[in-house]
Amino acid sequence: MRGIIWCAVVCVFVAGCAPDPPDSDASPTLSTPPPVTRPLDPSAYATEDTVCGLLTDEQIDTFDLPRNAKPHKRTETVFDCAREKEGGERWQLDYTLWLNVDLVGEWYDAQETLELLYIEGQPAAVNDLSDGRFCIVAVTLAEQKSVQVMGRGSRQEDAACSHVISVAEQMVRNIKG
């Protein structure tokens, strides 16, 4: 933590720049998991019947995903939704709402290929795997509340992370209301 503060002070003093605040629309890369400054309440989506509503029908169409989804209640505090597009350009999107864990904080200690950033002003982490065909994004919504979005494509050029980050942005906007 001292390293970040020291770097910020040096940056402002030497270069005259200042880091983007968490509520900025920019997505700066970070070196440690930031705290949540604007907690969001995802409780409206915290049932097996509502978790798939993290994306609206219009957004599902925009992302070229099927409207039929497979919701699943894993536990009292973990809810999943799966969508899979079959055919020529196969694409699978799974998302999970966690009401009992800060995934960004958990991942920070365990992942080597992690990129920390902000998504819609919320702390987030991206784990880009398998040459762009598989990506996982976690967004911290509030203390011990996170949403995880995982995308898998059938072709290397699918650029899964750009797609998954866009989906996560929409979900956070929907939770904000």
N, C-alpha and C. Protein backbone atom coordinates (compact mmCIF):
# COMPACT_ATOMS: atom_id res chain seq x y z
N MET A 1 0.82 -1.19 0.00
CA MET A 1 0.00 0.00 0.00
C MET A 1 0.87 1.25 0.00
N ARG A 2 1.94 1.23 0.79
CA ARG A 2 2.84 2.39 0.82
C ARG A 2 3.44 2.64 -0.55
N GLY A 3 3.70 1.53 -1.29
CA GLY A 3 4.28 1.66 -2.62
C GLY A 3 3.37 2.40 -3.57
N ILE A 4 2.07 2.15 -3.49
CA ILE A 4 1.11 2.84 -4.35
C ILE A 4 1.06 4.31 -4.01
N ILE A 5 0.99 4.62 -2.73
CA ILE A 5 0.93 6.01 -2.31
C ILE A 5 2.19 6.74 -2.74
N TRP A 6 3.35 6.12 -2.52
CA TRP A 6 4.62 6.72 -2.91
C TRP A 6 4.66 6.96 -4.41
N CYS A 7 4.23 5.96 -5.21
CA CYS A 7 4.22 6.13 -6.67
C CYS A 7 3.29 7.25 -7.08
N ALA A 8 2.14 7.37 -6.44
CA ALA A 8 1.19 8.42 -6.78
C ALA A 8 1.79 9.79 -6.46
N VAL A 9 2.47 9.90 -5.31
CA VAL A 9 3.09 11.17 -4.93
C VAL A 9 4.18 11.53 -5.92
N VAL A 10 5.02 10.57 -6.27
CA VAL A 10 6.10 10.82 -7.23
C VAL A 10 5.51 11.21 -8.58
N CYS A 11 4.48 10.52 -9.00
CA CYS A 11 3.84 10.80 -10.29
C CYS A 11 3.31 12.23 -10.33
N VAL A 12 2.61 12.64 -9.30
CA VAL A 12 2.04 13.99 -9.25
C VAL A 12 3.16 15.02 -9.18
N PHE A 13 4.17 14.77 -8.36
CA PHE A 13 5.25 15.73 -8.17
C PHE A 13 6.12 15.86 -9.41
N VAL A 14 6.54 14.73 -9.97
CA VAL A 14 7.48 14.75 -11.09
C VAL A 14 6.79 14.98 -12.42
N ALA A 15 5.72 14.26 -12.68
CA ALA A 15 5.11 14.33 -13.99
C ALA A 15 3.88 15.23 -14.05
N GLY A 16 3.37 15.63 -12.91
CA GLY A 16 2.19 16.49 -12.91
C GLY A 16 0.92 15.76 -13.25
N CYS A 17 0.89 14.44 -13.07
CA CYS A 17 -0.31 13.68 -13.39
C CYS A 17 -0.97 13.20 -12.11
N ALA A 18 -2.22 12.78 -12.22
CA ALA A 18 -2.94 12.24 -11.07
C ALA A 18 -3.68 11.00 -11.53
N PRO A 19 -3.77 9.97 -10.70
CA PRO A 19 -4.48 8.75 -11.10
C PRO A 19 -5.97 9.02 -11.19
N ASP A 20 -6.65 8.24 -12.07
CA ASP A 20 -8.09 8.36 -12.19
C ASP A 20 -8.76 7.89 -10.91
N PRO A 21 -9.76 8.60 -10.44
CA PRO A 21 -10.48 8.16 -9.24
C PRO A 21 -11.34 6.96 -9.55
N PRO A 22 -11.74 6.19 -8.54
CA PRO A 22 -12.54 5.00 -8.77
C PRO A 22 -13.85 5.27 -9.47
N ASP A 23 -14.43 6.47 -9.34
CA ASP A 23 -15.71 6.72 -9.97
C ASP A 23 -15.57 7.20 -11.41
N SER A 24 -14.38 7.21 -11.94
CA SER A 24 -14.13 7.59 -13.31
C SER A 24 -14.59 6.49 -14.24
N ASP A 25 -14.91 6.86 -15.50
CA ASP A 25 -15.27 5.86 -16.49
C ASP A 25 -14.05 5.15 -17.05
N ALA A 26 -12.86 5.71 -16.80
CA ALA A 26 -11.63 5.08 -17.28
C ALA A 26 -11.39 3.78 -16.52
N SER A 27 -10.62 2.91 -17.12
CA SER A 27 -10.29 1.64 -16.49
C SER A 27 -8.78 1.53 -16.30
N PRO A 28 -8.24 2.22 -15.32
CA PRO A 28 -6.79 2.18 -15.12
C PRO A 28 -6.34 0.82 -14.61
N THR A 29 -5.14 0.43 -14.95
CA THR A 29 -4.56 -0.78 -14.41
C THR A 29 -4.05 -0.47 -13.01
N LEU A 30 -4.29 -1.36 -12.08
CA LEU A 30 -3.91 -1.17 -10.68
C LEU A 30 -2.88 -2.21 -10.26
N SER A 31 -2.21 -1.96 -9.14
CA SER A 31 -1.21 -2.91 -8.67
C SER A 31 -1.66 -3.66 -7.41
N THR A 32 -2.69 -3.21 -6.73
CA THR A 32 -3.25 -3.93 -5.59
C THR A 32 -4.77 -3.80 -5.64
N PRO A 33 -5.49 -4.74 -5.05
CA PRO A 33 -6.95 -4.63 -5.09
C PRO A 33 -7.43 -3.38 -4.35
N PRO A 34 -8.19 -2.53 -5.00
CA PRO A 34 -8.67 -1.32 -4.36
C PRO A 34 -9.90 -1.60 -3.50
N PRO A 35 -10.19 -0.72 -2.56
CA PRO A 35 -11.41 -0.87 -1.77
C PRO A 35 -12.62 -0.44 -2.59
N VAL A 36 -13.78 -0.89 -2.20
CA VAL A 36 -15.02 -0.45 -2.83
C VAL A 36 -15.40 0.89 -2.22
N THR A 37 -15.54 1.91 -3.06
CA THR A 37 -15.93 3.22 -2.56
C THR A 37 -17.42 3.48 -2.75
N ARG A 38 -18.05 2.76 -3.68
CA ARG A 38 -19.49 2.87 -3.92
C ARG A 38 -20.10 1.48 -3.89
N PRO A 39 -20.53 1.00 -2.74
CA PRO A 39 -21.13 -0.33 -2.67
C PRO A 39 -22.43 -0.39 -3.48
N LEU A 40 -22.60 -1.49 -4.19
CA LEU A 40 -23.82 -1.74 -4.96
C LEU A 40 -24.56 -2.93 -4.36
N ASP A 41 -25.87 -2.88 -4.39
CA ASP A 41 -26.70 -3.93 -3.81
C ASP A 41 -27.25 -4.84 -4.92
N PRO A 42 -26.72 -6.05 -5.04
CA PRO A 42 -27.17 -6.96 -6.09
C PRO A 42 -28.34 -7.86 -5.67
N SER A 43 -28.98 -7.56 -4.54
CA SER A 43 -29.99 -8.47 -3.99
C SER A 43 -31.17 -8.72 -4.94
N ALA A 44 -31.47 -7.79 -5.82
CA ALA A 44 -32.57 -7.99 -6.77
C ALA A 44 -32.31 -9.17 -7.71
N TYR A 45 -31.06 -9.57 -7.85
CA TYR A 45 -30.68 -10.66 -8.75
C TYR A 45 -30.28 -11.92 -8.00
N ALA A 46 -30.49 -11.94 -6.70
CA ALA A 46 -29.97 -13.00 -5.84
C ALA A 46 -30.95 -14.14 -5.61
N THR A 47 -31.54 -14.62 -6.70
CA THR A 47 -32.35 -15.84 -6.64
C THR A 47 -32.12 -16.61 -7.93
N GLU A 48 -32.48 -17.86 -7.91
CA GLU A 48 -32.35 -18.67 -9.13
C GLU A 48 -33.23 -18.11 -10.25
N ASP A 49 -34.37 -17.51 -9.88
CA ASP A 49 -35.28 -16.95 -10.87
C ASP A 49 -34.84 -15.62 -11.44
N THR A 50 -33.96 -14.89 -10.74
CA THR A 50 -33.59 -13.54 -11.19
C THR A 50 -32.14 -13.37 -11.62
N VAL A 51 -31.26 -14.33 -11.33
CA VAL A 51 -29.84 -14.15 -11.62
C VAL A 51 -29.58 -13.92 -13.12
N CYS A 52 -30.33 -14.58 -13.98
CA CYS A 52 -30.12 -14.40 -15.41
C CYS A 52 -30.55 -13.02 -15.87
N GLY A 53 -31.32 -12.30 -15.04
CA GLY A 53 -31.74 -10.95 -15.35
C GLY A 53 -30.64 -9.91 -15.19
N LEU A 54 -29.42 -10.34 -14.82
CA LEU A 54 -28.30 -9.41 -14.79
C LEU A 54 -28.05 -8.80 -16.17
N LEU A 55 -28.52 -9.49 -17.22
CA LEU A 55 -28.52 -8.94 -18.58
C LEU A 55 -29.96 -8.86 -19.06
N THR A 56 -30.33 -7.74 -19.67
CA THR A 56 -31.67 -7.60 -20.23
C THR A 56 -31.75 -8.35 -21.56
N ASP A 57 -32.96 -8.59 -22.06
CA ASP A 57 -33.13 -9.25 -23.36
C ASP A 57 -32.43 -8.46 -24.46
N GLU A 58 -32.54 -7.14 -24.42
CA GLU A 58 -31.89 -6.30 -25.42
C GLU A 58 -30.36 -6.47 -25.38
N GLN A 59 -29.80 -6.51 -24.18
CA GLN A 59 -28.36 -6.70 -24.05
C GLN A 59 -27.95 -8.09 -24.52
N ILE A 60 -28.75 -9.09 -24.23
CA ILE A 60 -28.47 -10.45 -24.68
C ILE A 60 -28.41 -10.48 -26.20
N ASP A 61 -29.36 -9.78 -26.85
CA ASP A 61 -29.36 -9.70 -28.31
C ASP A 61 -28.13 -8.97 -28.82
N THR A 62 -27.74 -7.89 -28.16
CA THR A 62 -26.56 -7.12 -28.56
C THR A 62 -25.30 -7.98 -28.51
N PHE A 63 -25.21 -8.82 -27.48
CA PHE A 63 -24.04 -9.70 -27.34
C PHE A 63 -24.18 -10.98 -28.15
N ASP A 64 -25.26 -11.10 -28.93
CA ASP A 64 -25.49 -12.25 -29.79
C ASP A 64 -25.50 -13.56 -29.01
N LEU A 65 -26.24 -13.54 -27.90
CA LEU A 65 -26.39 -14.72 -27.05
C LEU A 65 -27.84 -15.19 -27.12
N PRO A 66 -28.07 -16.46 -26.86
CA PRO A 66 -29.46 -16.93 -26.85
C PRO A 66 -30.20 -16.43 -25.61
N ARG A 67 -31.49 -16.17 -25.78
CA ARG A 67 -32.29 -15.70 -24.65
C ARG A 67 -32.56 -16.81 -23.64
N ASN A 68 -32.61 -18.04 -24.13
CA ASN A 68 -32.83 -19.14 -23.17
C ASN A 68 -31.54 -19.34 -22.37
N ALA A 69 -31.73 -19.42 -21.07
CA ALA A 69 -30.58 -19.51 -20.16
C ALA A 69 -30.82 -20.63 -19.16
N LYS A 70 -29.73 -21.03 -18.54
CA LYS A 70 -29.80 -22.08 -17.51
C LYS A 70 -29.40 -21.47 -16.17
N PRO A 71 -30.41 -21.05 -15.37
CA PRO A 71 -30.08 -20.54 -14.03
C PRO A 71 -29.85 -21.70 -13.07
N HIS A 72 -29.07 -21.42 -12.04
CA HIS A 72 -28.76 -22.47 -11.06
C HIS A 72 -28.47 -21.82 -9.71
N LYS A 73 -29.08 -22.34 -8.67
CA LYS A 73 -28.78 -21.90 -7.31
C LYS A 73 -27.79 -22.90 -6.73
N ARG A 74 -26.54 -22.44 -6.60
CA ARG A 74 -25.48 -23.32 -6.07
C ARG A 74 -25.60 -23.48 -4.56
N THR A 75 -25.78 -22.35 -3.88
CA THR A 75 -25.98 -22.34 -2.42
C THR A 75 -26.93 -21.18 -2.12
N GLU A 76 -27.15 -20.90 -0.87
CA GLU A 76 -28.00 -19.77 -0.49
C GLU A 76 -27.39 -18.43 -0.86
N THR A 77 -26.09 -18.41 -1.16
CA THR A 77 -25.40 -17.15 -1.44
C THR A 77 -24.66 -17.15 -2.78
N VAL A 78 -24.86 -18.17 -3.61
CA VAL A 78 -24.18 -18.25 -4.90
C VAL A 78 -25.18 -18.68 -5.97
N PHE A 79 -25.33 -17.82 -7.00
CA PHE A 79 -26.30 -18.06 -8.06
C PHE A 79 -25.62 -17.96 -9.42
N ASP A 80 -25.89 -18.93 -10.31
CA ASP A 80 -25.25 -19.00 -11.63
C ASP A 80 -26.27 -18.82 -12.74
N CYS A 81 -25.77 -18.38 -13.90
CA CYS A 81 -26.55 -18.35 -15.12
C CYS A 81 -25.61 -18.73 -16.27
N ALA A 82 -26.08 -19.61 -17.15
CA ALA A 82 -25.27 -20.04 -18.30
C ALA A 82 -26.03 -19.78 -19.59
N ARG A 83 -25.33 -19.27 -20.58
CA ARG A 83 -25.89 -19.05 -21.91
C ARG A 83 -24.87 -19.59 -22.92
N GLU A 84 -25.36 -20.32 -23.91
CA GLU A 84 -24.44 -20.87 -24.90
C GLU A 84 -25.01 -20.72 -26.29
N LYS A 85 -24.21 -20.12 -27.16
CA LYS A 85 -24.57 -19.97 -28.56
C LYS A 85 -23.92 -21.11 -29.33
N GLU A 86 -24.73 -21.89 -29.99
CA GLU A 86 -24.23 -23.00 -30.81
C GLU A 86 -24.08 -22.52 -32.25
N GLY A 87 -23.51 -23.36 -33.07
CA GLY A 87 -23.41 -23.04 -34.49
C GLY A 87 -22.00 -22.63 -34.87
N GLY A 88 -21.91 -21.88 -35.98
CA GLY A 88 -20.63 -21.51 -36.56
C GLY A 88 -19.69 -20.81 -35.60
N GLU A 89 -20.17 -19.79 -34.93
CA GLU A 89 -19.33 -19.07 -33.98
C GLU A 89 -19.82 -19.38 -32.57
N ARG A 90 -19.38 -20.50 -32.07
CA ARG A 90 -19.82 -20.95 -30.75
C ARG A 90 -19.29 -20.02 -29.66
N TRP A 91 -20.15 -19.68 -28.72
CA TRP A 91 -19.76 -18.80 -27.64
C TRP A 91 -20.52 -19.20 -26.39
N GLN A 92 -19.82 -19.33 -25.28
CA GLN A 92 -20.45 -19.66 -24.01
C GLN A 92 -20.14 -18.58 -23.00
N LEU A 93 -21.18 -18.15 -22.29
CA LEU A 93 -21.05 -17.14 -21.26
C LEU A 93 -21.70 -17.66 -19.99
N ASP A 94 -20.93 -17.70 -18.93
CA ASP A 94 -21.44 -18.10 -17.61
C ASP A 94 -21.20 -16.95 -16.66
N TYR A 95 -22.18 -16.65 -15.82
CA TYR A 95 -21.94 -15.64 -14.80
C TYR A 95 -22.50 -16.10 -13.48
N THR A 96 -21.82 -15.65 -12.43
CA THR A 96 -22.14 -16.07 -11.07
C THR A 96 -22.20 -14.85 -10.17
N LEU A 97 -23.24 -14.78 -9.37
CA LEU A 97 -23.39 -13.75 -8.36
C LEU A 97 -23.02 -14.36 -7.02
N TRP A 98 -22.01 -13.79 -6.38
CA TRP A 98 -21.51 -14.27 -5.09
C TRP A 98 -21.92 -13.26 -4.02
N LEU A 99 -22.62 -13.71 -3.00
CA LEU A 99 -23.04 -12.82 -1.92
C LEU A 99 -22.23 -13.03 -0.65
N ASN A 100 -21.14 -13.77 -0.76
CA ASN A 100 -20.36 -14.11 0.43
C ASN A 100 -18.85 -14.06 0.23
N VAL A 101 -18.38 -13.44 -0.85
CA VAL A 101 -16.94 -13.44 -1.09
C VAL A 101 -16.54 -12.25 -1.96
N ASP A 102 -15.36 -11.70 -1.69
CA ASP A 102 -14.76 -10.69 -2.54
C ASP A 102 -13.80 -11.42 -3.47
N LEU A 103 -14.26 -11.72 -4.68
CA LEU A 103 -13.43 -12.49 -5.61
C LEU A 103 -12.16 -11.76 -6.01
N VAL A 104 -12.23 -10.46 -6.19
CA VAL A 104 -11.03 -9.71 -6.59
C VAL A 104 -9.94 -9.88 -5.53
N GLY A 105 -10.30 -9.73 -4.27
CA GLY A 105 -9.33 -9.92 -3.20
C GLY A 105 -8.80 -11.33 -3.13
N GLU A 106 -9.69 -12.30 -3.32
CA GLU A 106 -9.27 -13.72 -3.29
C GLU A 106 -8.33 -14.03 -4.45
N TRP A 107 -8.69 -13.55 -5.63
CA TRP A 107 -7.87 -13.82 -6.81
C TRP A 107 -6.51 -13.15 -6.71
N TYR A 108 -6.47 -11.97 -6.12
CA TYR A 108 -5.22 -11.21 -6.08
C TYR A 108 -4.09 -12.02 -5.45
N ASP A 109 -4.42 -12.79 -4.44
CA ASP A 109 -3.40 -13.59 -3.77
C ASP A 109 -3.08 -14.89 -4.49
N ALA A 110 -3.94 -15.32 -5.43
CA ALA A 110 -3.79 -16.65 -6.01
C ALA A 110 -3.46 -16.69 -7.50
N GLN A 111 -3.74 -15.64 -8.26
CA GLN A 111 -3.59 -15.67 -9.71
C GLN A 111 -2.32 -14.97 -10.17
N GLU A 112 -1.64 -15.56 -11.14
CA GLU A 112 -0.43 -14.94 -11.67
C GLU A 112 -0.71 -14.07 -12.89
N THR A 113 -1.76 -14.36 -13.61
CA THR A 113 -2.05 -13.63 -14.86
C THR A 113 -3.17 -12.62 -14.66
N LEU A 114 -3.20 -12.00 -13.52
CA LEU A 114 -4.30 -11.11 -13.15
C LEU A 114 -4.02 -9.66 -13.54
N GLU A 115 -5.02 -9.01 -14.09
CA GLU A 115 -4.95 -7.57 -14.35
C GLU A 115 -6.05 -6.91 -13.52
N LEU A 116 -5.66 -5.96 -12.67
CA LEU A 116 -6.62 -5.24 -11.85
C LEU A 116 -7.01 -3.95 -12.54
N LEU A 117 -8.29 -3.60 -12.50
CA LEU A 117 -8.79 -2.40 -13.13
C LEU A 117 -10.12 -2.01 -12.51
N TYR A 118 -10.76 -0.98 -13.03
CA TYR A 118 -12.10 -0.60 -12.62
C TYR A 118 -13.05 -0.91 -13.77
N ILE A 119 -14.23 -1.40 -13.43
CA ILE A 119 -15.30 -1.58 -14.40
C ILE A 119 -16.48 -0.79 -13.86
N GLU A 120 -16.85 0.25 -14.60
CA GLU A 120 -17.94 1.13 -14.17
C GLU A 120 -17.73 1.65 -12.74
N GLY A 121 -16.48 1.96 -12.40
CA GLY A 121 -16.15 2.51 -11.10
C GLY A 121 -15.98 1.49 -9.99
N GLN A 122 -16.17 0.20 -10.30
CA GLN A 122 -16.04 -0.85 -9.29
C GLN A 122 -14.71 -1.58 -9.48
N PRO A 123 -14.05 -1.98 -8.39
CA PRO A 123 -12.82 -2.75 -8.51
C PRO A 123 -13.08 -4.06 -9.25
N ALA A 124 -12.17 -4.41 -10.14
CA ALA A 124 -12.35 -5.61 -10.95
C ALA A 124 -11.00 -6.27 -11.23
N ALA A 125 -11.07 -7.53 -11.62
CA ALA A 125 -9.88 -8.28 -12.00
C ALA A 125 -10.19 -9.08 -13.25
N VAL A 126 -9.22 -9.15 -14.15
CA VAL A 126 -9.36 -9.90 -15.40
C VAL A 126 -8.28 -10.96 -15.44
N ASN A 127 -8.69 -12.17 -15.76
CA ASN A 127 -7.76 -13.28 -15.94
C ASN A 127 -7.95 -13.79 -17.36
N ASP A 128 -7.05 -13.40 -18.26
CA ASP A 128 -7.11 -13.75 -19.68
C ASP A 128 -6.31 -15.02 -19.89
N LEU A 129 -6.98 -16.07 -20.30
CA LEU A 129 -6.34 -17.37 -20.44
C LEU A 129 -6.51 -17.93 -21.85
N SER A 130 -5.72 -18.90 -22.21
CA SER A 130 -5.88 -19.68 -23.44
C SER A 130 -5.89 -18.86 -24.71
N ASP A 131 -4.93 -17.98 -24.86
CA ASP A 131 -4.75 -17.25 -26.11
C ASP A 131 -5.99 -16.50 -26.58
N GLY A 132 -6.70 -15.87 -25.65
CA GLY A 132 -7.84 -15.05 -26.02
C GLY A 132 -9.15 -15.79 -26.19
N ARG A 133 -9.18 -17.09 -26.01
CA ARG A 133 -10.43 -17.84 -26.18
C ARG A 133 -11.18 -18.07 -24.88
N PHE A 134 -10.56 -17.77 -23.76
CA PHE A 134 -11.17 -18.00 -22.45
C PHE A 134 -10.78 -16.86 -21.52
N CYS A 135 -11.76 -16.29 -20.85
CA CYS A 135 -11.49 -15.15 -19.98
C CYS A 135 -12.45 -15.17 -18.81
N ILE A 136 -11.94 -14.76 -17.65
CA ILE A 136 -12.77 -14.63 -16.46
C ILE A 136 -12.57 -13.23 -15.90
N VAL A 137 -13.68 -12.57 -15.58
CA VAL A 137 -13.66 -11.24 -14.98
C VAL A 137 -14.44 -11.30 -13.67
N ALA A 138 -13.90 -10.71 -12.64
CA ALA A 138 -14.61 -10.57 -11.36
C ALA A 138 -14.73 -9.10 -11.04
N VAL A 139 -15.91 -8.70 -10.56
CA VAL A 139 -16.16 -7.32 -10.17
C VAL A 139 -16.64 -7.32 -8.73
N THR A 140 -16.01 -6.51 -7.89
CA THR A 140 -16.46 -6.37 -6.50
C THR A 140 -17.58 -5.34 -6.49
N LEU A 141 -18.75 -5.75 -6.00
CA LEU A 141 -19.91 -4.87 -5.95
C LEU A 141 -20.03 -4.17 -4.61
N ALA A 142 -19.71 -4.88 -3.55
CA ALA A 142 -19.76 -4.37 -2.17
C ALA A 142 -18.92 -5.33 -1.33
N GLU A 143 -18.81 -5.04 -0.05
CA GLU A 143 -18.04 -5.93 0.81
C GLU A 143 -18.64 -7.34 0.74
N GLN A 144 -17.82 -8.30 0.34
CA GLN A 144 -18.21 -9.71 0.24
C GLN A 144 -19.32 -9.95 -0.77
N LYS A 145 -19.42 -9.12 -1.81
CA LYS A 145 -20.40 -9.32 -2.89
C LYS A 145 -19.69 -9.07 -4.22
N SER A 146 -19.78 -10.08 -5.10
CA SER A 146 -19.07 -10.00 -6.37
C SER A 146 -19.91 -10.62 -7.48
N VAL A 147 -19.59 -10.23 -8.70
CA VAL A 147 -20.13 -10.93 -9.86
C VAL A 147 -18.93 -11.40 -10.68
N GLN A 148 -19.01 -12.63 -11.15
CA GLN A 148 -17.96 -13.24 -11.97
C GLN A 148 -18.57 -13.54 -13.33
N VAL A 149 -17.86 -13.16 -14.40
CA VAL A 149 -18.31 -13.43 -15.77
C VAL A 149 -17.20 -14.23 -16.46
N MET A 150 -17.59 -15.35 -17.05
CA MET A 150 -16.62 -16.21 -17.72
C MET A 150 -17.09 -16.45 -19.15
N GLY A 151 -16.20 -16.23 -20.11
CA GLY A 151 -16.54 -16.43 -21.51
C GLY A 151 -15.56 -17.38 -22.18
N ARG A 152 -16.13 -18.23 -23.05
CA ARG A 152 -15.33 -19.17 -23.83
C ARG A 152 -15.80 -19.13 -25.27
N GLY A 153 -14.84 -19.03 -26.18
CA GLY A 153 -15.16 -19.05 -27.60
C GLY A 153 -14.46 -20.20 -28.29
N SER A 154 -14.91 -20.52 -29.50
CA SER A 154 -14.35 -21.66 -30.21
C SER A 154 -13.16 -21.29 -31.08
N ARG A 155 -12.94 -19.99 -31.33
CA ARG A 155 -11.83 -19.58 -32.18
C ARG A 155 -10.87 -18.70 -31.41
N GLN A 156 -9.60 -18.78 -31.77
CA GLN A 156 -8.58 -18.01 -31.08
C GLN A 156 -8.84 -16.51 -31.19
N GLU A 157 -9.32 -16.03 -32.31
CA GLU A 157 -9.51 -14.60 -32.51
C GLU A 157 -10.79 -14.06 -31.86
N ASP A 158 -11.46 -14.86 -31.07
CA ASP A 158 -12.69 -14.42 -30.41
C ASP A 158 -12.46 -13.27 -29.45
N ALA A 159 -11.23 -13.07 -28.98
CA ALA A 159 -10.92 -11.99 -28.03
C ALA A 159 -11.92 -12.01 -26.88
N ALA A 160 -11.94 -13.11 -26.17
CA ALA A 160 -12.92 -13.34 -25.11
C ALA A 160 -12.95 -12.22 -24.08
N CYS A 161 -11.79 -11.68 -23.70
CA CYS A 161 -11.78 -10.70 -22.62
C CYS A 161 -12.49 -9.40 -22.99
N SER A 162 -12.34 -8.92 -24.20
CA SER A 162 -13.04 -7.68 -24.55
C SER A 162 -14.55 -7.91 -24.49
N HIS A 163 -14.99 -9.07 -24.91
CA HIS A 163 -16.41 -9.42 -24.86
C HIS A 163 -16.89 -9.54 -23.42
N VAL A 164 -16.13 -10.26 -22.60
CA VAL A 164 -16.52 -10.49 -21.21
C VAL A 164 -16.51 -9.18 -20.41
N ILE A 165 -15.54 -8.31 -20.65
CA ILE A 165 -15.51 -7.02 -19.96
C ILE A 165 -16.74 -6.19 -20.34
N SER A 166 -17.12 -6.20 -21.62
CA SER A 166 -18.32 -5.48 -22.04
C SER A 166 -19.57 -6.00 -21.35
N VAL A 167 -19.66 -7.32 -21.21
CA VAL A 167 -20.80 -7.93 -20.50
C VAL A 167 -20.79 -7.49 -19.04
N ALA A 168 -19.63 -7.54 -18.40
CA ALA A 168 -19.53 -7.13 -16.99
C ALA A 168 -19.92 -5.67 -16.81
N GLU A 169 -19.51 -4.80 -17.74
CA GLU A 169 -19.90 -3.39 -17.68
C GLU A 169 -21.41 -3.24 -17.68
N GLN A 170 -22.07 -3.97 -18.57
CA GLN A 170 -23.54 -3.90 -18.64
C GLN A 170 -24.19 -4.39 -17.35
N MET A 171 -23.66 -5.48 -16.80
CA MET A 171 -24.22 -6.01 -15.56
C MET A 171 -24.10 -5.01 -14.42
N VAL A 172 -22.95 -4.36 -14.30
CA VAL A 172 -22.77 -3.38 -13.23
C VAL A 172 -23.73 -2.20 -13.45
N ARG A 173 -23.90 -1.77 -14.69
CA ARG A 173 -24.86 -0.70 -14.97
C ARG A 173 -26.27 -1.12 -14.56
N ASN A 174 -26.63 -2.36 -14.84
CA ASN A 174 -27.97 -2.85 -14.48
C ASN A 174 -28.15 -2.90 -12.97
N ILE A 175 -27.12 -3.31 -12.25
CA ILE A 175 -27.21 -3.36 -10.79
C ILE A 175 -27.32 -1.94 -10.22
N LYS A 176 -26.59 -0.99 -10.82
CA LYS A 176 -26.68 0.40 -10.38
C LYS A 176 -28.10 0.94 -10.53
N GLY A 177 -28.78 0.44 -11.57
CA GLY A 177 -30.17 0.87 -11.81
C GLY A 177 -30.31 2.08 -12.62
